[in-house]
């Protein structure tokens, strides 16, 4: 499940919700502290790191930070940092 970015300030209280309340709020099962991979990520890596540290402090031993964040993922998928697909300009092919 993806924790909505606009709720980062609520992460601590969200991870402390009862499982039924968590599912009602996020339509997803609450991660368990023993889950092997609870991955946090953000655009640059800073918020993901802080979220990982917070989760670990709450007992989520499998919490991880995707250090490459969106930038690395975009590059691997062929997208630019601006979120646009890196494709040749239509002008280069005489399309405009």
C-alpha atoms as a PDB file:
ATOM      1  CA  UNK A   1       0.000   0.000   0.000  1.00  0.00           C
ATOM      2  CA  UNK A   2       1.140   3.488  -0.610  1.00  0.00           C
ATOM      3  CA  UNK A   3       0.887   5.955   2.262  1.00  0.00           C
ATOM      4  CA  UNK A   4      -0.461   9.216   0.820  1.00  0.00           C
ATOM      5  CA  UNK A   5       2.200  11.939   0.693  1.00  0.00           C
ATOM      6  CA  UNK A   6      -0.160  14.451   2.246  1.00  0.00           C
ATOM      7  CA  UNK A   7      -0.306  12.313   5.393  1.00  0.00           C
ATOM      8  CA  UNK A   8       3.444  12.131   6.117  1.00  0.00           C
ATOM      9  CA  UNK A   9       2.920  14.206   9.260  1.00  0.00           C
ATOM     10  CA  UNK A  10       0.393  11.560  10.379  1.00  0.00           C
ATOM     11  CA  UNK A  11       2.647   8.559   9.764  1.00  0.00           C
ATOM     12  CA  UNK A  12       3.400   7.874  13.419  1.00  0.00           C
ATOM     13  CA  UNK A  13      -0.250   7.857  14.446  1.00  0.00           C
ATOM     14  CA  UNK A  14      -1.223   5.908  11.293  1.00  0.00           C
ATOM     15  CA  UNK A  15       1.245   3.124  12.151  1.00  0.00           C
ATOM     16  CA  UNK A  16      -0.232   2.962  15.649  1.00  0.00           C
ATOM     17  CA  UNK A  17      -3.839   2.537  14.479  1.00  0.00           C
ATOM     18  CA  UNK A  18      -5.680  -0.673  15.196  1.00  0.00           C
ATOM     19  CA  UNK A  19      -5.694  -2.934  12.117  1.00  0.00           C
ATOM     20  CA  UNK A  20      -9.431  -2.414  11.445  1.00  0.00           C
ATOM     21  CA  UNK A  21      -9.121   1.393  11.639  1.00  0.00           C
ATOM     22  CA  UNK A  22      -6.065   1.301   9.363  1.00  0.00           C
ATOM     23  CA  UNK A  23      -7.929  -0.794   6.792  1.00  0.00           C
ATOM     24  CA  UNK A  24     -10.948   1.515   6.947  1.00  0.00           C
ATOM     25  CA  UNK A  25      -8.734   4.554   6.356  1.00  0.00           C
ATOM     26  CA  UNK A  26      -6.434   3.134   3.643  1.00  0.00           C
ATOM     27  CA  UNK A  27      -8.432   0.211   2.177  1.00  0.00           C
ATOM     28  CA  UNK A  28      -5.368  -1.924   2.788  1.00  0.00           C
ATOM     29  CA  UNK A  29      -4.102  -4.271   5.466  1.00  0.00           C
ATOM     30  CA  UNK A  30      -1.948  -2.646   8.113  1.00  0.00           C
ATOM     31  CA  UNK A  31       1.723  -3.628   7.823  1.00  0.00           C
ATOM     32  CA  UNK A  32       2.908  -5.900  10.609  1.00  0.00           C
ATOM     33  CA  UNK A  33       6.030  -5.038  12.612  1.00  0.00           C
ATOM     34  CA  UNK A  34       7.537  -8.369  11.525  1.00  0.00           C
ATOM     35  CA  UNK A  35       6.945  -7.762   7.791  1.00  0.00           C
ATOM     36  CA  UNK A  36      10.219  -8.201   5.947  1.00  0.00           C
ATOM     37  CA  UNK A  37       9.974  -5.219   3.601  1.00  0.00           C
ATOM     38  CA  UNK A  38       8.121  -2.048   4.420  1.00  0.00           C
ATOM     39  CA  UNK A  39       9.516   0.303   1.779  1.00  0.00           C
ATOM     40  CA  UNK A  40       9.408   4.078   2.133  1.00  0.00           C
ATOM     41  CA  UNK A  41      10.264   6.426  -0.693  1.00  0.00           C
ATOM     42  CA  UNK A  42       9.897  10.020  -1.754  1.00  0.00           C
ATOM     43  CA  UNK A  43      11.213  12.258  -4.495  1.00  0.00           C
ATOM     44  CA  UNK A  44      14.735  12.830  -3.193  1.00  0.00           C
ATOM     45  CA  UNK A  45      15.176  10.319  -0.346  1.00  0.00           C
ATOM     46  CA  UNK A  46      15.047  12.609   2.709  1.00  0.00           C
ATOM     47  CA  UNK A  47      11.401  12.009   3.718  1.00  0.00           C
ATOM     48  CA  UNK A  48      11.718   8.308   2.937  1.00  0.00           C
ATOM     49  CA  UNK A  49      14.695   8.061   5.288  1.00  0.00           C
ATOM     50  CA  UNK A  50      12.848   9.884   8.061  1.00  0.00           C
ATOM     51  CA  UNK A  51       9.772   7.684   7.587  1.00  0.00           C
ATOM     52  CA  UNK A  52      11.927   4.545   7.716  1.00  0.00           C
ATOM     53  CA  UNK A  53      13.593   5.707  10.939  1.00  0.00           C
ATOM     54  CA  UNK A  54      10.224   6.505  12.493  1.00  0.00           C
ATOM     55  CA  UNK A  55       8.798   3.115  11.517  1.00  0.00           C
ATOM     56  CA  UNK A  56      11.877   1.351  12.912  1.00  0.00           C
ATOM     57  CA  UNK A  57      11.489   3.261  16.190  1.00  0.00           C
ATOM     58  CA  UNK A  58       7.928   1.871  16.366  1.00  0.00           C
ATOM     59  CA  UNK A  59       9.195  -1.692  15.984  1.00  0.00           C
ATOM     60  CA  UNK A  60       8.909  -2.150  12.214  1.00  0.00           C
ATOM     61  CA  UNK A  61      12.245  -3.925  11.836  1.00  0.00           C
ATOM     62  CA  UNK A  62      11.799  -4.538   8.102  1.00  0.00           C
ATOM     63  CA  UNK A  63      11.331  -0.844   7.310  1.00  0.00           C
ATOM     64  CA  UNK A  64      13.543   0.234   4.419  1.00  0.00           C
ATOM     65  CA  UNK A  65      14.198   3.422   2.483  1.00  0.00           C
ATOM     66  CA  UNK A  66      14.417   3.292  -1.308  1.00  0.00           C
ATOM     67  CA  UNK A  67      17.454   5.555  -1.398  1.00  0.00           C
ATOM     68  CA  UNK A  68      17.312   6.227  -5.127  1.00  0.00           C
ATOM     69  CA  UNK A  69      13.783   7.532  -4.689  1.00  0.00           C
ATOM     70  CA  UNK A  70      11.762   8.753  -7.662  1.00  0.00           C
ATOM     71  CA  UNK A  71      14.838  10.099  -9.457  1.00  0.00           C
ATOM     72  CA  UNK A  72      16.424   6.676  -9.806  1.00  0.00           C
ATOM     73  CA  UNK A  73      13.143   5.025 -10.719  1.00  0.00           C
ATOM     74  CA  UNK A  74      12.449   7.662 -13.390  1.00  0.00           C
ATOM     75  CA  UNK A  75      15.919   7.160 -14.867  1.00  0.00           C
ATOM     76  CA  UNK A  76      15.581   3.362 -14.926  1.00  0.00           C
ATOM     77  CA  UNK A  77      12.191   3.642 -16.632  1.00  0.00           C
ATOM     78  CA  UNK A  78      13.395   6.186 -19.178  1.00  0.00           C
ATOM     79  CA  UNK A  79      11.638   9.170 -17.628  1.00  0.00           C
ATOM     80  CA  UNK A  80      13.269  12.531 -16.997  1.00  0.00           C
ATOM     81  CA  UNK A  81      13.440  14.154 -13.574  1.00  0.00           C
ATOM     82  CA  UNK A  82      10.537  16.349 -14.657  1.00  0.00           C
ATOM     83  CA  UNK A  83       8.339  13.258 -14.980  1.00  0.00           C
ATOM     84  CA  UNK A  84       8.254  13.410 -18.769  1.00  0.00           C
ATOM     85  CA  UNK A  85       9.280  10.484 -20.916  1.00  0.00           C
ATOM     86  CA  UNK A  86      12.756  10.962 -22.363  1.00  0.00           C
ATOM     87  CA  UNK A  87      11.922  10.694 -26.033  1.00  0.00           C
ATOM     88  CA  UNK A  88      13.362  12.456 -29.041  1.00  0.00           C
ATOM     89  CA  UNK A  89      11.786  15.811 -29.710  1.00  0.00           C
ATOM     90  CA  UNK A  90       9.121  15.728 -32.438  1.00  0.00           C
ATOM     91  CA  UNK A  91      11.079  18.579 -34.055  1.00  0.00           C
ATOM     92  CA  UNK A  92      14.030  16.224 -34.499  1.00  0.00           C
ATOM     93  CA  UNK A  93      11.865  14.102 -36.769  1.00  0.00           C
ATOM     94  CA  UNK A  94      10.227  16.966 -38.643  1.00  0.00           C
ATOM     95  CA  UNK A  95       6.879  16.403 -36.946  1.00  0.00           C
ATOM     96  CA  UNK A  96       6.381  20.033 -35.919  1.00  0.00           C
END
